[in-house]
Amino acid sequence: MDYWQLILLGLIAGFTIFLGLPLAVLQNLSAKKKGFLNAFAIGILVFLIIDVFSHAWESAETAASDAFAGKSPIGDAIFDLLAMFGGIAIGLLGLLWYESKYMKKPIKQQQHQQQQLSSKSSTAGGESILSDNGSRIAAGGAELSEHQQQQQQQQQLWQQQQEVTAYRVAMMIAVGIGVHNFSEGLAIGQSYVTGATGLAILLIIGFGAHNTTEGFGIAGPLAGLIKKPRVRFLILVGLVGGSPTFIGTILGSLWNSPIAYILFLSIAGGALVYVSLLMYNSGRRQTTNNILMLGIFVGLCAGFITDLMVSLGGA
C-alpha cells in the first residue's frame, strides 16, 4: 500500500460516519421510539468513553510504570499524566463553559417568553364583566380565540426550544467524536509510518465500521423533530465528526507524538462524558427507565461488536 492509498482509505474511514446520519431524518416517531433512539445513542457514547479512556490510560500508565522502574525519564511520565488529566479537564469543563455561555441564554429567553404568554392568557378574562350580556358573549369569543393563539405560540416556542437544544447537543457530540476520531487517525498514520501496513489496513476497516455507529450517536438527538434537520447541518456535523480521522491519518504518518495521542483521547473522553450525561438527563424526562436502559444496552453492544472487528483482525 503506497502513501496515497493510505490517504484515500483514511478519507473513507472518516466519512463512513455519514452512513449513520440519515437516522436524524426519521419523523412521526412515538415517544417510546424517540426515547429508545436517544438511549441507543447514549449507549454508543458510553462505549466510546470506555474505549477512549482505556487507550489513553494504558499509554499514560505504561509511561509512569517505566519511569518508576527507571526504564525511562520521569519527565515523560509527568507530561503524559498531565496530558491525560489536562485533556479531561479541557473536554469536560470546556463543554460546561460552552453550554453556560451559548446554550442556556437562548433557552432562558424562550422560557421567559412562554411565561409572559401564560400570564397574558391567565389574566385575560375580567374585562368582559362590566359589559352587558351581548357584549360579554362577544368578548368571551374573542378571548377564546386569543387564548388559542397564545397556546399555539407557546407550543411553537416549546418546539423551537426543543429544536435548538437538539441541534446544539448534536454539534457537541460531533465535536467530541471528532476529537476521538482524530486520535484514531493518528493511530492509523503511525501504524503506517512504523511499517505495520497490515495493522493500518485493519484499523481503517474497524474504524470505518465504528464511525457508522458514531453517526447514529450524532443523529440520535435530532431524530423525531417536528421539522426535518437541515441537510446543510447534517453535512456540517458529519464533517466535524468524520474529517478528523482523515486529518489525523495524514499527521500521524508524518509526526509521532505519544503525548498528543493521550491528550486528544482524554479531551474526547471528557467531552463524551459531559454530552452523555446531558443526553441521559434529557432521556429521563422523555421516556421510561426501562426503555432508557434497553436502548443503552443495545448501543453498548453495537459499540463492542464493531470494536471486535478490529480485535479479531489482530489489531
Protein backbone atom coordinates (compact mmCIF):
# COMPACT_ATOMS: atom_id res chain seq x y z
CA MET A 1 0.00 0.00 0.00
CA ASP A 2 1.51 3.32 -1.06
CA TYR A 3 1.04 6.63 0.72
CA TRP A 4 -1.81 7.90 -1.47
CA GLN A 5 -3.75 4.71 -0.94
CA LEU A 6 -3.37 5.25 2.79
CA ILE A 7 -4.74 8.79 2.45
CA LEU A 8 -7.71 7.58 0.40
CA LEU A 9 -8.54 4.81 2.87
CA GLY A 10 -8.21 7.25 5.77
CA LEU A 11 -10.70 9.51 3.99
CA ILE A 12 -13.14 6.61 3.55
CA ALA A 13 -12.76 5.54 7.19
CA GLY A 14 -13.63 9.05 8.38
CA PHE A 15 -16.60 9.66 6.15
CA THR A 16 -18.41 6.40 6.87
CA ILE A 17 -19.88 8.49 9.70
CA PHE A 18 -22.33 9.83 7.09
CA LEU A 19 -23.86 6.35 6.83
CA GLY A 20 -25.36 6.77 10.30
CA LEU A 21 -26.59 10.34 9.94
CA PRO A 22 -29.80 9.57 7.92
CA LEU A 23 -31.29 8.37 11.23
CA ALA A 24 -31.83 12.05 12.00
CA VAL A 25 -34.47 12.49 9.29
CA LEU A 26 -36.88 9.96 10.81
CA GLN A 27 -40.18 11.64 11.66
CA ASN A 28 -43.55 10.81 13.20
CA LEU A 29 -41.84 8.80 15.90
CA SER A 30 -43.66 7.86 19.07
CA ALA A 31 -42.25 9.00 22.41
CA LYS A 32 -41.05 5.44 23.10
CA LYS A 33 -39.21 5.14 19.78
CA LYS A 34 -37.61 8.55 20.14
CA GLY A 35 -36.57 7.73 23.71
CA PHE A 36 -35.09 4.42 22.55
CA LEU A 37 -33.06 6.08 19.78
CA ASN A 38 -31.78 8.68 22.24
CA ALA A 39 -30.81 5.90 24.66
CA PHE A 40 -29.18 3.92 21.82
CA ALA A 41 -27.01 6.96 21.09
CA ILE A 42 -26.12 7.20 24.80
CA GLY A 43 -25.04 3.56 24.76
CA ILE A 44 -22.69 4.22 21.85
CA LEU A 45 -21.23 7.23 23.66
CA VAL A 46 -20.72 5.19 26.85
CA PHE A 47 -18.81 2.61 24.85
CA LEU A 48 -16.67 5.33 23.28
CA ILE A 49 -15.89 6.68 26.76
CA ILE A 50 -14.71 3.23 27.85
CA ASP A 51 -12.68 2.77 24.67
CA VAL A 52 -11.12 6.24 24.74
CA PHE A 53 -10.07 6.24 28.38
CA SER A 54 -8.74 2.68 28.25
CA HIS A 55 -6.37 3.55 25.40
CA ALA A 56 -5.31 6.89 26.88
CA TRP A 57 -4.74 5.49 30.37
CA GLU A 58 -2.86 2.46 29.06
CA SER A 59 -0.30 4.75 27.44
CA ALA A 60 -0.03 7.08 30.46
CA GLU A 61 0.17 4.17 32.93
CA THR A 62 2.89 2.46 30.91
CA ALA A 63 4.96 5.66 30.91
CA ALA A 64 4.51 6.03 34.69
CA SER A 65 5.44 2.38 35.31
CA ASP A 66 8.56 2.65 33.14
CA ALA A 67 9.62 5.81 34.93
CA PHE A 68 9.08 4.20 38.35
CA ALA A 69 11.20 1.21 37.26
CA GLY A 70 13.93 3.51 35.97
CA LYS A 71 13.45 2.49 32.35
CA SER A 72 12.52 5.97 31.12
CA PRO A 73 12.84 9.60 32.30
CA ILE A 74 10.35 10.66 34.94
CA GLY A 75 9.63 13.79 32.90
CA ASP A 76 7.98 11.67 30.20
CA ALA A 77 5.62 10.16 32.75
CA ILE A 78 4.76 13.57 34.21
CA PHE A 79 3.97 15.03 30.78
CA ASP A 80 1.84 12.02 29.84
CA LEU A 81 -0.16 12.24 33.08
CA LEU A 82 -0.60 15.99 32.65
CA ALA A 83 -1.84 15.37 29.12
CA MET A 84 -4.27 12.77 30.47
CA PHE A 85 -5.82 14.84 33.25
CA GLY A 86 -5.48 18.14 31.42
CA GLY A 87 -7.28 16.69 28.41
CA ILE A 88 -10.16 15.51 30.60
CA ALA A 89 -10.44 19.00 32.09
CA ILE A 90 -10.45 20.62 28.63
CA GLY A 91 -13.09 18.26 27.27
CA LEU A 92 -15.36 18.22 30.32
CA LEU A 93 -15.07 21.78 31.63
CA GLY A 94 -14.73 23.24 28.13
CA LEU A 95 -18.19 21.98 27.19
CA LEU A 96 -19.52 23.20 30.54
CA TRP A 97 -18.28 26.67 29.63
CA TYR A 98 -19.74 26.35 26.12
CA GLU A 99 -23.16 25.37 27.45
CA SER A 100 -23.27 28.12 30.08
CA LYS A 101 -22.23 30.75 27.54
CA TYR A 102 -24.07 29.73 24.37
CA MET A 103 -26.86 27.28 25.25
CA LYS A 104 -28.61 28.48 28.39
CA LYS A 105 -29.23 32.11 27.38
CA PRO A 106 -31.45 31.39 24.32
CA ILE A 107 -33.37 28.75 26.27
CA LYS A 108 -33.96 31.15 29.17
CA GLN A 109 -35.19 33.80 26.73
CA GLN A 110 -37.68 31.35 25.25
CA GLN A 111 -38.83 30.28 28.72
CA HIS A 112 -39.36 33.95 29.64
CA GLN A 113 -41.48 34.43 26.52
CA GLN A 114 -43.53 31.37 27.45
CA GLN A 115 -44.11 32.75 30.95
CA GLN A 116 -45.26 36.08 29.50
CA LEU A 117 -47.74 34.31 27.22
CA SER A 118 -49.02 32.24 30.14
CA SER A 119 -49.53 35.32 32.31
CA LYS A 120 -51.43 37.05 29.49
CA SER A 121 -53.75 34.08 28.99
CA SER A 122 -54.41 33.75 32.73
CA THR A 123 -55.24 37.46 33.20
CA ALA A 124 -57.42 37.79 30.09
CA GLY A 125 -60.98 37.29 31.32
CA GLY A 126 -62.11 40.00 33.72
CA GLU A 127 -62.54 42.66 31.02
CA SER A 128 -65.96 41.39 29.93
CA ILE A 129 -67.53 41.51 33.40
CA LEU A 130 -68.65 45.14 33.14
CA SER A 131 -70.32 44.63 29.74
CA ASP A 132 -73.92 43.65 29.01
CA ASN A 133 -74.85 40.09 28.02
CA GLY A 134 -74.36 40.55 24.28
CA SER A 135 -71.01 42.26 24.52
CA ARG A 136 -69.92 39.76 27.16
CA ILE A 137 -70.54 36.85 24.78
CA ALA A 138 -68.66 38.62 22.01
CA ALA A 139 -65.77 39.38 24.35
CA GLY A 140 -65.74 35.77 25.50
CA GLY A 141 -65.43 34.57 21.92
CA ALA A 142 -62.57 36.99 21.29
CA GLU A 143 -60.86 35.86 24.49
CA LEU A 144 -61.20 32.21 23.45
CA SER A 145 -59.66 32.95 20.07
CA GLU A 146 -56.85 34.94 21.68
CA HIS A 147 -56.30 32.14 24.20
CA GLN A 148 -55.99 29.59 21.37
CA GLN A 149 -53.48 31.82 19.59
CA GLN A 150 -51.44 32.13 22.77
CA GLN A 151 -51.49 28.36 23.21
CA GLN A 152 -50.26 27.94 19.65
CA GLN A 153 -47.49 30.46 20.27
CA GLN A 154 -46.48 28.61 23.43
CA GLN A 155 -46.38 25.34 21.50
CA GLN A 156 -44.25 26.91 18.78
CA LEU A 157 -41.83 28.35 21.35
CA TRP A 158 -41.54 24.96 23.03
CA GLN A 159 -40.84 23.28 19.69
CA GLN A 160 -38.21 25.91 18.88
CA GLN A 161 -36.59 25.32 22.27
CA GLN A 162 -36.50 21.55 21.66
CA GLU A 163 -35.05 22.09 18.18
CA VAL A 164 -32.33 24.49 19.34
CA THR A 165 -31.33 22.14 22.16
CA ALA A 166 -31.26 19.10 19.85
CA TYR A 167 -29.10 20.88 17.27
CA ARG A 168 -26.60 22.06 19.85
CA VAL A 169 -26.37 18.70 21.59
CA ALA A 170 -25.78 17.04 18.20
CA MET A 171 -22.98 19.51 17.46
CA MET A 172 -21.42 18.91 20.89
CA ILE A 173 -21.48 15.16 20.24
CA ALA A 174 -19.91 15.71 16.81
CA VAL A 175 -17.10 17.76 18.37
CA GLY A 176 -16.38 15.10 20.99
CA ILE A 177 -16.44 12.31 18.42
CA GLY A 178 -14.30 14.39 16.06
CA VAL A 179 -11.55 14.72 18.67
CA HIS A 180 -11.79 10.99 19.31
CA ASN A 181 -11.58 10.24 15.57
CA PHE A 182 -8.52 12.47 15.26
CA SER A 183 -6.77 10.14 17.70
CA GLU A 184 -7.91 7.15 15.66
CA GLY A 185 -6.46 8.80 12.55
CA LEU A 186 -3.17 9.29 14.39
CA ALA A 187 -3.12 5.56 15.18
CA ILE A 188 -3.69 4.70 11.51
CA GLY A 189 -0.95 7.05 10.32
CA GLN A 190 1.55 5.97 12.96
CA SER A 191 0.94 2.29 12.17
CA TYR A 192 1.76 3.01 8.53
CA VAL A 193 4.88 5.06 9.22
CA THR A 194 6.28 2.37 11.52
CA GLY A 195 5.90 -0.22 8.75
CA ALA A 196 2.85 -2.02 10.17
CA THR A 197 0.87 -1.73 6.93
CA GLY A 198 -1.38 -4.68 7.73
CA LEU A 199 -2.31 -3.15 11.08
CA ALA A 200 -3.06 0.16 9.39
CA ILE A 201 -5.48 -1.54 6.98
CA LEU A 202 -7.22 -3.39 9.82
CA LEU A 203 -7.56 -0.16 11.76
CA ILE A 204 -9.08 1.56 8.74
CA ILE A 205 -11.66 -1.22 8.34
CA GLY A 206 -12.51 -1.31 12.02
CA PHE A 207 -12.65 2.45 12.50
CA GLY A 208 -14.71 2.81 9.31
CA ALA A 209 -17.35 0.41 10.65
CA HIS A 210 -17.12 2.08 14.03
CA ASN A 211 -17.70 5.55 12.60
CA THR A 212 -21.04 4.40 11.19
CA THR A 213 -22.35 3.82 14.72
CA GLU A 214 -20.91 7.18 15.74
CA GLY A 215 -23.14 8.72 13.07
CA PHE A 216 -26.08 7.17 14.93
CA GLY A 217 -24.83 8.84 18.10
CA ILE A 218 -24.83 12.28 16.45
CA ALA A 219 -28.22 11.74 14.82
CA GLY A 220 -29.91 10.47 17.99
CA PRO A 221 -30.89 13.87 19.46
CA LEU A 222 -32.23 15.01 16.05
CA ALA A 223 -34.47 12.01 15.37
CA GLY A 224 -38.18 12.70 15.67
CA LEU A 225 -38.06 16.50 15.48
CA ILE A 226 -41.17 18.16 14.01
CA LYS A 227 -39.09 19.60 11.18
CA LYS A 228 -36.54 17.50 9.36
CA PRO A 229 -32.96 18.52 10.21
CA ARG A 230 -31.41 20.75 7.59
CA VAL A 231 -29.23 18.86 5.12
CA ARG A 232 -26.55 21.54 5.43
CA PHE A 233 -26.39 20.97 9.19
CA LEU A 234 -26.10 17.19 8.75
CA ILE A 235 -23.23 17.73 6.32
CA LEU A 236 -21.58 20.08 8.83
CA VAL A 237 -21.77 17.67 11.80
CA GLY A 238 -20.59 14.87 9.51
CA LEU A 239 -17.52 16.90 8.59
CA VAL A 240 -16.89 17.88 12.22
CA GLY A 241 -17.14 14.28 13.38
CA GLY A 242 -15.60 12.42 10.44
CA SER A 243 -12.93 14.60 8.83
CA PRO A 244 -10.56 14.47 11.87
CA THR A 245 -9.95 10.78 11.04
CA PHE A 246 -8.58 11.84 7.67
CA ILE A 247 -6.59 14.75 9.16
CA GLY A 248 -5.18 12.52 11.90
CA THR A 249 -4.16 9.91 9.34
CA ILE A 250 -2.09 12.49 7.47
CA LEU A 251 -0.48 13.97 10.58
CA GLY A 252 0.12 10.54 12.13
CA SER A 253 2.02 9.44 9.04
CA LEU A 254 4.29 12.49 9.33
CA TRP A 255 4.60 13.03 13.07
CA ASN A 256 4.67 10.62 16.01
CA SER A 257 3.79 12.02 19.45
CA PRO A 258 2.54 9.84 22.35
CA ILE A 259 1.68 12.97 24.35
CA ALA A 260 -0.56 14.31 21.56
CA TYR A 261 -2.21 10.90 21.29
CA ILE A 262 -3.02 10.84 25.03
CA LEU A 263 -4.11 14.48 25.06
CA PHE A 264 -6.61 14.17 22.22
CA LEU A 265 -8.01 10.91 23.55
CA SER A 266 -8.58 12.39 27.01
CA ILE A 267 -10.16 15.56 25.56
CA ALA A 268 -12.54 13.35 23.62
CA GLY A 269 -13.30 11.27 26.72
CA GLY A 270 -14.08 14.32 28.85
CA ALA A 271 -16.33 15.78 26.15
CA LEU A 272 -18.19 12.50 25.69
CA VAL A 273 -18.77 12.16 29.45
CA TYR A 274 -20.38 15.59 29.53
CA VAL A 275 -22.57 15.01 26.47
CA SER A 276 -23.71 11.54 27.55
CA LEU A 277 -24.81 12.87 30.96
CA LEU A 278 -26.64 15.71 29.22
CA MET A 279 -28.47 13.23 26.99
CA TYR A 280 -29.23 10.91 29.90
CA ASN A 281 -30.80 13.77 31.84
CA SER A 282 -32.96 14.57 28.81
CA GLY A 283 -33.81 10.89 28.28
CA ARG A 284 -35.11 10.51 31.83
CA ARG A 285 -37.71 13.17 31.06
CA GLN A 286 -38.63 11.74 27.65
CA THR A 287 -39.24 8.07 28.35
CA THR A 288 -39.41 5.35 30.98
CA ASN A 289 -36.33 3.98 32.70
CA ASN A 290 -36.95 0.53 31.15
CA ILE A 291 -36.75 1.88 27.60
CA LEU A 292 -33.77 4.05 28.51
CA MET A 293 -31.77 1.13 29.91
CA LEU A 294 -32.71 -1.13 26.98
CA GLY A 295 -31.54 1.46 24.47
CA ILE A 296 -28.26 2.00 26.34
CA PHE A 297 -27.70 -1.75 26.43
CA VAL A 298 -28.26 -2.12 22.66
CA GLY A 299 -25.98 0.88 21.97
CA LEU A 300 -23.23 -0.58 24.16
CA CYS A 301 -23.47 -3.92 22.37
CA ALA A 302 -23.29 -2.18 18.97
CA GLY A 303 -20.12 -0.36 20.06
CA PHE A 304 -18.41 -3.51 21.36
CA ILE A 305 -19.35 -5.54 18.28
CA THR A 306 -17.87 -3.01 15.86
CA ASP A 307 -14.75 -2.75 18.01
CA LEU A 308 -14.48 -6.54 17.99
CA MET A 309 -13.87 -6.36 14.24
CA VAL A 310 -10.55 -4.68 14.94
CA SER A 311 -9.58 -7.14 17.69
CA LEU A 312 -10.37 -10.23 15.63
CA GLY A 313 -8.07 -8.87 12.93
CA GLY A 314 -5.18 -8.90 15.38
CA ALA A 315 -5.15 -5.15 15.98
